[in-house]
Protein backbone atom coordinates (compact mmCIF):
# COMPACT_ATOMS: atom_id res chain seq x y z
CA MET A 1 60.35 75.35 18.94
CA GLU A 2 63.67 76.91 19.90
CA VAL A 3 66.66 74.73 18.97
CA ILE A 4 69.09 74.19 21.81
CA PRO A 5 72.60 75.29 20.77
CA ARG A 6 75.25 72.67 20.15
CA ILE A 7 77.39 71.94 23.20
CA ASP A 8 80.65 73.86 23.43
CA PRO A 9 82.69 72.54 26.38
CA PRO A 10 85.68 74.60 27.51
CA LEU A 11 89.19 73.45 26.72
CA ARG A 12 90.53 72.59 30.18
CA THR A 13 93.89 71.37 31.36
CA LEU A 14 92.71 68.38 33.37
CA LEU A 15 94.95 68.00 36.42
CA GLY A 16 92.38 66.57 38.79
CA PRO A 17 91.82 63.00 39.97
CA GLY A 18 90.22 62.05 36.65
CA PRO A 19 89.38 62.10 33.90
CA SER A 20 92.88 62.80 32.64
CA PRO A 21 93.74 64.52 29.36
CA VAL A 22 92.88 62.25 26.43
CA HIS A 23 95.69 61.73 23.94
CA PRO A 24 94.87 63.36 20.56
CA ARG A 25 95.39 60.08 18.72
CA VAL A 26 92.76 58.46 20.96
CA LEU A 27 90.29 61.23 20.18
CA GLN A 28 90.95 60.72 16.47
CA VAL A 29 90.04 57.03 16.47
CA MET A 30 86.77 57.77 18.28
CA ALA A 31 85.63 59.58 15.13
CA LEU A 32 86.11 56.46 12.97
CA PRO A 33 83.02 54.77 11.50
CA VAL A 34 80.97 52.68 13.91
CA ILE A 35 80.64 49.02 12.91
CA GLY A 36 78.66 46.17 14.42
CA HIS A 37 79.74 44.50 17.62
CA LEU A 38 79.89 41.13 15.78
CA ASP A 39 81.58 42.52 12.67
CA PRO A 40 84.74 40.48 11.91
CA ALA A 41 86.75 43.71 11.94
CA PHE A 42 85.52 44.53 15.44
CA LEU A 43 86.19 41.00 16.68
CA ARG A 44 89.80 41.47 15.60
CA ILE A 45 89.95 44.70 17.61
CA MET A 46 88.61 42.81 20.63
CA ASP A 47 91.27 40.12 20.36
CA GLU A 48 94.05 42.68 20.00
CA SER A 49 92.76 44.67 22.96
CA MET A 50 92.72 41.59 25.18
CA GLU A 51 96.32 40.78 24.25
CA MET A 52 97.44 44.34 24.96
CA LEU A 53 95.59 44.35 28.29
CA ARG A 54 97.51 41.22 29.28
CA GLN A 55 100.74 43.07 28.62
CA VAL A 56 99.69 46.17 30.56
CA PHE A 57 98.39 44.07 33.48
CA GLN A 58 101.64 42.04 33.30
CA THR A 59 99.72 38.77 33.18
CA LYS A 60 99.20 35.63 31.14
CA ASN A 61 95.60 35.35 32.32
CA ARG A 62 93.21 34.16 29.64
CA LEU A 63 90.48 36.42 31.01
CA ALA A 64 91.55 40.03 30.49
CA LEU A 65 88.87 42.22 28.95
CA PRO A 66 87.23 45.66 29.21
CA MET A 67 83.87 45.74 30.95
CA SER A 68 81.34 48.19 29.52
CA GLY A 69 81.23 50.82 32.26
CA THR A 70 83.56 52.97 34.34
CA GLY A 71 85.98 51.77 37.02
CA SER A 72 83.15 51.26 39.49
CA ALA A 73 81.70 48.71 37.06
CA GLY A 74 85.00 46.86 37.29
CA MET A 75 84.75 46.89 41.06
CA GLU A 76 81.21 45.52 40.96
CA THR A 77 82.19 42.94 38.34
CA CYS A 78 84.81 41.42 40.60
CA PHE A 79 82.67 41.45 43.72
CA VAL A 80 79.39 40.22 42.24
CA ASN A 81 81.12 37.36 40.41
CA LEU A 82 83.34 36.19 43.27
CA ILE A 83 81.02 36.68 46.25
CA GLU A 84 77.98 34.65 47.26
CA PRO A 85 75.74 35.45 50.24
CA GLY A 86 77.45 34.67 53.54
CA ASP A 87 81.01 34.74 52.20
CA ALA A 88 83.61 36.31 54.48
CA VAL A 89 85.42 39.27 52.93
CA LEU A 90 88.21 41.43 54.35
CA VAL A 91 88.65 44.94 52.92
CA GLY A 92 91.47 47.40 53.47
CA VAL A 93 90.05 50.87 54.11
CA ASN A 94 92.15 54.04 54.06
CA GLY A 95 90.07 56.23 51.75
CA VAL A 96 86.91 56.58 49.68
CA PHE A 97 87.39 53.59 47.44
CA GLY A 98 88.13 51.11 50.20
CA THR A 99 84.90 52.36 51.79
CA ARG A 100 83.12 51.79 48.48
CA MET A 101 84.46 48.23 48.32
CA VAL A 102 82.86 47.56 51.71
CA ASP A 103 79.51 48.86 50.48
CA VAL A 104 79.62 46.80 47.28
CA ALA A 105 80.63 43.61 49.10
CA GLN A 106 77.84 44.06 51.65
CA ARG A 107 75.31 44.51 48.83
CA CYS A 108 76.46 41.12 47.54
CA GLY A 109 75.55 39.59 50.89
CA ALA A 110 79.11 39.22 52.18
CA GLU A 111 80.08 39.28 55.84
CA VAL A 112 82.59 42.12 55.69
CA ASP A 113 85.42 42.92 58.11
CA THR A 114 87.89 45.75 57.62
CA VAL A 115 91.52 46.60 58.16
CA GLU A 116 91.77 50.37 58.52
CA ALA A 117 94.33 53.15 58.46
CA GLU A 118 94.14 56.92 58.72
CA TRP A 119 93.37 58.61 55.40
CA GLY A 120 96.77 59.53 53.94
CA ALA A 121 98.54 56.53 55.48
CA ALA A 122 99.18 53.05 54.08
CA LEU A 123 97.72 49.84 55.44
CA GLU A 124 100.24 47.67 57.27
CA ALA A 125 100.83 44.00 56.40
CA GLU A 126 100.79 43.20 60.12
CA GLN A 127 97.15 44.33 60.28
CA PHE A 128 96.22 41.78 57.64
CA HIS A 129 98.25 39.09 59.40
CA ALA A 130 96.30 39.72 62.59
CA ALA A 131 92.92 39.69 60.83
CA LEU A 132 93.75 36.55 58.85
CA SER A 133 94.86 34.81 62.03
CA ARG A 134 91.41 35.33 63.53
CA ARG A 135 89.27 34.24 60.59
CA SER A 136 89.38 32.68 57.13
CA TYR A 137 88.32 34.98 54.30
CA LYS A 138 87.27 34.05 50.79
CA ILE A 139 88.45 37.42 49.45
CA VAL A 140 90.83 40.09 50.68
CA ALA A 141 90.47 43.36 48.77
CA VAL A 142 92.80 46.36 48.67
CA VAL A 143 93.04 49.62 46.70
CA HIS A 144 96.45 50.00 45.07
CA ALA A 145 96.44 53.77 44.43
CA GLU A 146 93.82 55.40 46.65
CA THR A 147 92.56 58.29 44.52
CA SER A 148 91.07 60.13 47.48
CA THR A 149 94.35 60.34 49.41
CA GLY A 150 97.30 59.91 47.03
CA VAL A 151 98.61 56.79 48.79
CA LEU A 152 100.26 53.99 46.80
CA GLN A 153 99.66 50.81 48.81
CA PRO A 154 102.43 48.16 48.93
CA LEU A 155 100.84 44.86 47.85
CA GLU A 156 103.34 42.00 47.76
CA GLU A 157 103.46 41.11 51.46
CA ILE A 158 99.66 41.33 51.79
CA SER A 159 99.31 39.00 48.79
CA ARG A 160 101.63 36.46 50.41
CA LEU A 161 99.63 36.52 53.63
CA VAL A 162 96.30 36.13 51.81
CA HIS A 163 97.46 33.12 49.81
CA ALA A 164 99.01 31.47 52.86
CA ARG A 165 95.46 31.32 54.23
CA GLY A 166 93.88 30.17 50.96
CA GLY A 167 92.07 33.41 50.09
CA LEU A 168 91.66 35.30 46.83
CA PHE A 169 93.49 38.63 46.51
CA LEU A 170 91.48 41.38 44.79
CA VAL A 171 93.12 44.68 43.81
CA ASP A 172 91.70 48.02 42.65
CA ALA A 173 94.16 49.40 40.07
CA VAL A 174 91.84 52.06 38.64
CA THR A 175 94.32 54.87 39.17
CA SER A 176 97.63 52.99 39.03
CA LEU A 177 97.43 50.91 35.83
CA GLY A 178 99.86 52.31 33.28
CA GLY A 179 101.34 54.85 35.70
CA ALA A 180 103.03 52.54 38.22
CA PRO A 181 103.94 48.85 38.24
CA VAL A 182 100.86 46.59 38.45
CA LYS A 183 102.33 43.10 38.26
CA VAL A 184 99.33 40.81 38.38
CA ASP A 185 101.20 37.53 37.95
CA ALA A 186 104.36 38.36 39.89
CA TRP A 187 102.34 39.68 42.84
CA GLU A 188 99.83 36.80 42.61
CA ILE A 189 96.81 39.07 42.26
CA ASP A 190 93.80 36.83 41.63
CA ALA A 191 91.44 39.54 40.38
CA CYS A 192 92.19 43.09 39.32
CA TYR A 193 90.22 45.92 37.76
CA SER A 194 91.04 49.35 36.43
CA GLY A 195 89.56 52.26 34.46
CA THR A 196 90.34 53.88 31.15
CA GLN A 197 90.26 57.52 32.29
CA LYS A 198 93.41 57.72 34.39
CA CYS A 199 96.91 56.71 33.26
CA LEU A 200 95.74 55.15 29.97
CA SER A 201 94.91 58.61 28.51
CA CYS A 202 91.47 57.46 27.42
CA PRO A 203 87.95 58.80 28.14
CA PRO A 204 85.92 57.21 30.93
CA GLY A 205 83.63 54.41 29.83
CA LEU A 206 85.39 51.04 30.05
CA SER A 207 86.86 49.09 32.96
CA PRO A 208 89.67 46.63 32.19
CA VAL A 209 89.34 43.51 34.35
CA THR A 210 91.48 40.41 34.68
CA LEU A 211 90.94 37.20 36.66
CA ASN A 212 93.33 34.28 36.94
CA GLU A 213 92.18 30.68 36.59
CA ARG A 214 91.74 30.30 40.34
CA ALA A 215 89.32 33.22 40.38
CA VAL A 216 87.58 32.04 37.20
CA GLU A 217 87.08 28.63 38.75
CA THR A 218 85.50 30.33 41.77
CA VAL A 219 82.97 31.92 39.41
CA ARG A 220 82.26 28.58 37.75
CA ARG A 221 81.65 26.82 41.08
CA ARG A 222 79.03 29.32 42.25
CA LYS A 223 75.90 27.87 43.83
CA HIS A 224 73.79 30.90 42.94
CA LYS A 225 73.48 33.04 39.84
CA VAL A 226 75.55 36.21 39.76
CA GLN A 227 73.28 38.92 41.16
CA SER A 228 74.00 41.22 38.18
CA TRP A 229 72.97 39.99 34.74
CA TYR A 230 74.89 42.79 33.03
CA LEU A 231 78.18 42.06 34.83
CA ASP A 232 77.98 38.25 34.80
CA LEU A 233 81.39 37.09 33.58
CA SER A 234 80.12 33.58 32.89
CA MET A 235 78.19 35.11 29.99
CA ILE A 236 80.46 38.01 29.05
CA GLU A 237 83.53 35.83 28.63
CA LYS A 238 81.63 33.84 26.00
CA TYR A 239 81.28 37.02 23.94
CA TRP A 240 84.95 37.90 24.27
CA ASP A 241 86.28 34.39 23.60
CA SER A 242 86.00 32.34 20.41
CA GLU A 243 82.30 31.48 20.97
CA ARG A 244 81.23 35.12 20.36
CA VAL A 245 77.89 34.56 22.09
CA TYR A 246 75.93 37.82 22.06
CA HIS A 247 75.51 39.41 25.48
CA HIS A 248 75.14 43.18 25.02
CA THR A 249 76.04 45.75 22.40
CA ALA A 250 79.61 46.76 23.17
CA PRO A 251 80.41 50.52 23.10
CA ILE A 252 82.20 50.43 19.75
CA SER A 253 83.86 53.85 19.77
CA MET A 254 85.09 53.43 23.34
CA ASN A 255 86.68 50.15 22.37
CA TYR A 256 88.43 51.93 19.50
CA ALA A 257 89.69 54.43 22.07
CA LEU A 258 90.98 51.79 24.46
CA HIS A 259 92.71 49.91 21.63
CA GLU A 260 94.57 53.06 20.58
CA ALA A 261 95.34 54.05 24.17
CA LEU A 262 96.86 50.63 24.87
CA ARG A 263 98.89 50.90 21.67
CA GLY A 264 100.24 54.20 22.92
CA VAL A 265 101.23 52.82 26.32
CA LEU A 266 103.00 49.83 24.79
CA GLU A 267 104.74 51.95 22.15
CA GLU A 268 106.15 54.13 24.92
CA GLY A 269 106.98 51.01 26.91
CA LEU A 270 105.51 50.15 30.30
CA THR A 271 108.75 50.79 32.16
CA SER A 272 109.17 54.13 30.39
CA SER A 273 105.60 55.11 31.28
CA TRP A 274 106.17 54.24 34.93
CA GLN A 275 109.41 56.23 34.95
CA ARG A 276 107.78 59.24 33.28
CA HIS A 277 105.01 59.35 35.88
CA ARG A 278 107.58 59.08 38.68
CA GLN A 279 109.84 61.79 37.21
CA VAL A 280 106.97 64.23 36.63
CA HIS A 281 105.73 63.57 40.17
CA GLU A 282 109.19 64.33 41.59
CA ALA A 283 109.39 67.52 39.54
CA PHE A 284 105.98 68.55 40.88
CA ILE A 285 107.04 68.03 44.50
CA ARG A 286 110.21 70.11 43.96
CA GLU A 287 108.27 72.94 42.33
CA ILE A 288 105.44 73.19 44.87
CA GLN A 289 107.94 73.28 47.71
CA LYS A 290 109.53 76.34 46.09
CA ILE A 291 106.23 78.22 46.57
CA GLY A 292 105.66 77.05 50.13
CA LEU A 293 103.39 74.05 49.54
CA GLU A 294 103.99 70.56 50.90
CA PRO A 295 102.87 67.05 49.94
CA ALA A 296 100.35 65.48 52.33
CA VAL A 297 101.66 61.91 51.97
CA ALA A 298 104.97 60.46 53.15
CA GLY A 299 107.52 60.00 50.37
CA PRO A 300 107.76 56.18 50.23
CA ILE A 301 103.99 55.74 49.75
CA ARG A 302 103.16 58.64 47.43
CA ALA A 303 101.23 57.63 44.34
CA PRO A 304 103.07 59.41 41.49
CA MET A 305 99.94 59.92 39.41
CA ILE A 306 97.69 61.43 42.12
CA ASN A 307 99.41 64.03 44.29
CA ALA A 308 97.89 65.19 47.59
CA VAL A 309 98.97 68.74 48.51
CA ARG A 310 98.36 70.32 51.92
CA ILE A 311 96.29 73.49 51.77
CA PRO A 312 98.07 76.22 53.79
CA PRO A 313 96.22 77.79 56.73
CA GLY A 314 94.06 80.72 55.73
CA ILE A 315 93.73 79.65 52.09
CA ASP A 316 90.18 79.31 50.76
CA ASP A 317 90.17 75.91 49.04
CA ALA A 318 87.06 76.42 46.88
CA ARG A 319 88.06 79.96 45.86
CA VAL A 320 91.48 78.83 44.62
CA ARG A 321 90.00 75.97 42.60
CA GLN A 322 87.36 78.26 41.09
CA ARG A 323 89.96 80.82 40.09
CA LEU A 324 92.01 78.06 38.48
CA TYR A 325 88.95 77.32 36.34
CA ASP A 326 88.09 80.94 35.60
CA GLU A 327 91.52 82.45 35.05
CA PHE A 328 93.71 79.55 33.92
CA ASN A 329 91.33 76.85 32.58
CA ILE A 330 92.92 74.33 34.94
CA GLU A 331 91.08 71.68 36.95
CA ILE A 332 92.43 70.18 40.18
CA GLY A 333 90.53 68.10 42.72
CA ALA A 334 89.26 68.86 46.21
CA GLY A 335 89.79 66.72 49.27
CA LEU A 336 87.11 64.21 50.22
CA GLY A 337 85.76 62.97 53.54
CA PRO A 338 88.02 63.88 56.47
CA LEU A 339 90.46 65.53 54.02
CA LYS A 340 87.87 67.98 52.65
CA GLY A 341 89.31 71.49 52.78
CA LYS A 342 92.69 70.09 53.87
CA ILE A 343 94.22 68.91 50.59
CA TRP A 344 94.16 69.46 46.87
CA ARG A 345 94.42 66.42 44.64
CA VAL A 346 96.57 66.98 41.57
CA GLY A 347 96.43 64.32 38.90
CA LEU A 348 99.49 63.91 36.69
CA MET A 349 98.21 60.94 34.76
CA GLY A 350 98.72 59.52 31.30
CA HIS A 351 98.96 62.26 28.67
CA GLY A 352 98.73 64.79 31.52
CA ALA A 353 101.95 63.58 33.15
CA ARG A 354 104.18 66.17 31.52
CA VAL A 355 106.59 68.71 32.98
CA GLU A 356 104.89 71.56 31.11
CA ASN A 357 101.70 70.85 33.06
CA VAL A 358 103.65 71.04 36.32
CA GLU A 359 105.04 74.40 35.26
CA LEU A 360 101.61 75.65 34.19
CA LEU A 361 99.93 74.72 37.46
CA VAL A 362 102.71 75.98 39.72
CA HIS A 363 102.78 79.28 37.84
CA ALA A 364 99.03 79.64 38.45
CA LEU A 365 99.19 78.63 42.12
CA ARG A 366 102.01 81.08 42.75
CA GLN A 367 99.58 83.86 41.85
CA LEU A 368 96.66 82.51 43.86
CA ILE A 369 98.08 81.58 47.26
């Protein structure tokens, strides 16, 4: 039998919407020996990771842990645990991931209404005020940094409106965590989830999630079992807390990676990381404008880690991206949905948020457009 050759992936500069470049020190810890998921040494890693996640989420929540799965697993975790059939849920939709929230909530049996904005625009607090005036909602869910459009959604006023009507505020921070302020306690976010593969400079595979006591109590008061056994926080939290009740075999090496990635973020300092992402974003905007390109999102709501760039008339979107692969070993992202063929999505996230990457990409684009 012919032996299939060992895989040999190309060395790319990842400047798309994710995954982002993994920090070399994170890759190094992934090669460390695998130990058991109930080994005392691994339990210590779990405890340290939870404490670091609290710092990165800017929260004192007891429940702050990485779910085994990508960011979409974090989304499902929050919805399946907080929603029961017939619950009223309001979702902000201005891109792919707001649309996905609607789908997930409906699969949980929720009665879903939406507040919508054009892709590339932010949702307005007044829209939520109007919706909340018409109906009471158990959960109001919003995407913080919409990866499909490059919009960074203001959250504080929406949070105030949600809590004035007694609802739970759920936030998708998959793309923003570590790259822009995500202040779970200060902004009174009841449930929040993220992913490892964006601004944390870690491979995809875990989804950090945090719930405050109000949200945890909602899970405890459920009348029906959580529809997903695998994502049931009532069981998973018993593995991550002092009881250590077995639930599933945690992905050991990925937890090593997250631990080291969180160490890196906190060593740099959260404020410094936010500032670096903002400064690299601003440098990118200056440089693309020099070669005749323009951002597709208004300045005040641009997400610094995911940059939407208008594709000039007459430019073949797919051809440019393919040549970036073939000639420069660079990956950028295409537009999705109504923005397909209209924008490129350039991720400057985590270890990839460096001025040299801006210079590399702009040099390549100058030759291709």
